[in-house]
Protein backbone atom coordinates (compact mmCIF):
# COMPACT_ATOMS: atom_id res chain seq x y z
CA MET A 1 15.83 -4.02 -21.48
CA LYS A 2 12.47 -5.14 -20.15
CA ILE A 3 11.15 -5.57 -16.63
CA ARG A 4 8.95 -8.58 -15.92
CA GLY A 5 7.99 -10.82 -13.01
CA TRP A 6 9.97 -13.89 -11.94
CA THR A 7 9.10 -17.41 -12.95
CA GLN A 8 10.16 -20.60 -11.21
CA GLU A 9 12.63 -21.12 -14.06
CA ASP A 10 14.37 -17.83 -13.12
CA VAL A 11 15.10 -18.79 -9.51
CA LYS A 12 18.32 -20.74 -10.17
CA THR A 13 19.76 -17.83 -12.20
CA ILE A 14 18.69 -15.31 -9.57
CA ALA A 15 20.31 -17.43 -6.84
CA ALA A 16 23.59 -17.49 -8.79
CA ILE A 17 23.52 -13.70 -9.12
CA GLU A 18 22.65 -13.42 -5.43
CA LYS A 19 25.80 -15.41 -4.55
CA ARG A 20 27.97 -13.16 -6.72
CA CYS A 21 26.52 -9.97 -5.24
CA PHE A 22 26.21 -10.67 -1.51
CA GLY A 23 28.30 -12.15 1.26
CA ASP A 24 25.13 -13.40 2.95
CA PRO A 25 22.97 -14.40 -0.05
CA TRP A 26 19.41 -15.59 0.04
CA THR A 27 19.25 -19.28 -0.79
CA GLU A 28 17.48 -20.70 -3.81
CA GLU A 29 14.76 -21.92 -1.44
CA MET A 30 14.30 -18.46 0.07
CA LEU A 31 14.10 -16.87 -3.36
CA GLY A 32 11.62 -19.49 -4.58
CA ALA A 33 9.44 -18.89 -1.53
CA CYS A 34 9.01 -15.24 -2.58
CA MET A 35 6.58 -16.41 -5.27
CA GLN A 36 4.23 -17.89 -2.67
CA TYR A 37 3.21 -14.63 -1.03
CA ALA A 38 0.63 -12.32 -2.57
CA TRP A 39 2.07 -9.33 -0.68
CA GLN A 40 5.43 -9.72 -2.42
CA GLN A 41 5.94 -8.33 -5.92
CA LEU A 42 8.82 -9.66 -8.02
CA PHE A 43 10.79 -7.80 -10.67
CA LEU A 44 13.37 -9.04 -13.15
CA ALA A 45 15.44 -6.95 -15.57
CA GLU A 46 16.19 -8.86 -18.75
CA GLU A 47 17.82 -8.14 -22.08
CA ASP A 48 18.01 -10.61 -24.96
CA GLY A 49 17.14 -13.46 -22.58
CA GLN A 50 19.92 -12.50 -20.13
CA VAL A 51 18.96 -11.75 -16.52
CA LEU A 52 20.63 -8.46 -15.56
CA GLY A 53 19.11 -7.90 -12.13
CA TYR A 54 16.09 -8.51 -9.94
CA GLY A 55 14.13 -7.20 -7.01
CA CYS A 56 11.60 -8.29 -4.43
CA LEU A 57 9.15 -5.77 -3.00
CA GLY A 58 6.83 -6.28 -0.06
CA VAL A 59 3.71 -4.14 0.18
CA LEU A 60 1.52 -4.03 3.29
CA PHE A 61 -1.03 -1.24 3.48
CA GLU A 62 0.66 2.18 3.31
CA ASP A 63 4.21 0.81 3.58
CA ALA A 64 6.34 -0.92 0.99
CA GLU A 65 9.75 -2.43 1.60
CA ILE A 66 12.51 -3.28 -0.83
CA LEU A 67 13.27 -6.76 0.48
CA ASN A 68 15.98 -7.55 -2.04
CA ILE A 69 17.52 -5.91 -5.09
CA ALA A 70 20.65 -6.71 -7.07
CA VAL A 71 22.24 -6.08 -10.43
CA ASP A 72 24.69 -8.72 -11.64
CA THR A 73 28.24 -7.41 -11.49
CA PRO A 74 28.99 -7.26 -15.26
CA PHE A 75 25.93 -5.05 -15.82
CA ARG A 76 26.38 -2.43 -13.10
CA GLY A 77 26.61 1.24 -13.99
CA ARG A 78 24.02 1.00 -16.78
CA GLY A 79 21.00 2.32 -14.85
CA ILE A 80 19.47 -1.12 -14.28
CA GLY A 81 19.17 -0.68 -10.52
CA GLU A 82 17.45 2.66 -10.99
CA THR A 83 15.06 1.18 -13.56
CA LEU A 84 14.20 -1.67 -11.18
CA LEU A 85 13.65 0.73 -8.27
CA ARG A 86 11.42 3.01 -10.33
CA ALA A 87 9.33 0.00 -11.42
CA MET A 88 9.07 -1.11 -7.80
CA HIS A 89 8.02 2.38 -6.68
CA LYS A 90 5.36 2.53 -9.40
CA LYS A 91 3.91 -0.85 -8.36
CA ALA A 92 4.01 0.05 -4.66
CA LYS A 93 2.16 3.29 -5.32
CA ALA A 94 -0.42 1.47 -7.47
CA LEU A 95 -1.01 -0.90 -4.55
CA GLY A 96 -1.62 2.02 -2.17
CA ALA A 97 1.75 2.40 -0.49
CA GLN A 98 2.71 5.91 0.60
CA ARG A 99 6.35 5.24 1.44
CA VAL A 100 9.02 2.68 0.75
CA LEU A 101 11.67 1.46 3.18
CA LEU A 102 14.86 -0.55 2.82
CA GLU A 103 17.99 -1.60 4.67
CA VAL A 104 21.44 -1.15 3.14
CA ARG A 105 24.92 -1.93 4.41
CA VAL A 106 26.57 1.23 5.70
CA SER A 107 29.58 0.38 3.50
CA ASN A 108 27.54 0.06 0.27
CA LEU A 109 28.21 3.57 -0.97
CA PRO A 110 27.10 3.00 -4.60
CA ALA A 111 23.69 1.74 -3.44
CA ILE A 112 23.32 4.53 -0.88
CA GLY A 113 24.09 7.07 -3.61
CA LEU A 114 21.43 5.58 -5.88
CA TYR A 115 18.86 5.54 -3.09
CA GLU A 116 19.59 9.16 -2.21
CA LYS A 117 19.30 10.11 -5.89
CA LEU A 118 15.78 8.65 -5.82
CA GLY A 119 14.80 10.62 -2.72
CA TYR A 120 15.62 8.19 0.09
CA THR A 121 16.77 9.59 3.40
CA ARG A 122 18.36 7.81 6.33
CA TYR A 123 15.71 6.92 8.87
CA GLY A 124 17.77 4.96 11.38
CA VAL A 125 20.49 2.38 11.93
CA ARG A 126 20.12 -1.33 12.64
CA GLU A 127 23.24 -2.22 14.57
CA HIS A 128 24.95 -5.52 13.71
CA TYR A 129 22.16 -6.22 11.22
CA TYR A 130 24.15 -8.41 8.85
CA GLU A 131 25.59 -11.83 9.60
CA ASP A 132 29.13 -10.43 9.61
CA GLY A 133 28.16 -7.79 12.19
CA GLU A 134 27.97 -4.80 9.84
CA ASP A 135 25.34 -2.16 10.55
CA ALA A 136 22.56 -1.27 8.13
CA PHE A 137 21.07 2.10 7.41
CA VAL A 138 17.28 2.08 7.32
CA MET A 139 16.25 4.43 4.52
CA GLN A 140 12.84 5.66 3.41
CA ALA A 141 11.32 7.58 0.54
CA GLY A 142 7.87 8.99 -0.02
CA LEU A 143 5.95 7.80 -3.08
CA THR A 144 4.84 11.14 -4.45
CA GLU A 145 5.94 10.78 -8.09
């Protein structure tokens, strides 16, 4: 498996994965727009030409935020999400960030478990954050590795 940046050619595949993974997916246009902003860093996990997962990281000064991360359903449980997160942390730290934040559905126990494994703690709750009314935990981790 290798981690690389997105290309415009990847956006359609990423959008299809996004639809499989989320009830309120980012659109192809939203995903494509990520490439226009210098403060956003894009990550794609790939093996033998197959896109396994992806992430979008925003970095502004001392804070970084995981804006989006997903692993396609057939490839879950193989450490791909952890590999993506570690790559995102490394890039954020290289760009001067001291902590990383994210929002996660309160019902997404597998993701919460992964985040806690990597040192994230719950920082707060955003009530009715998602389109369907579900709350989100705001989680944060220091970038001390």
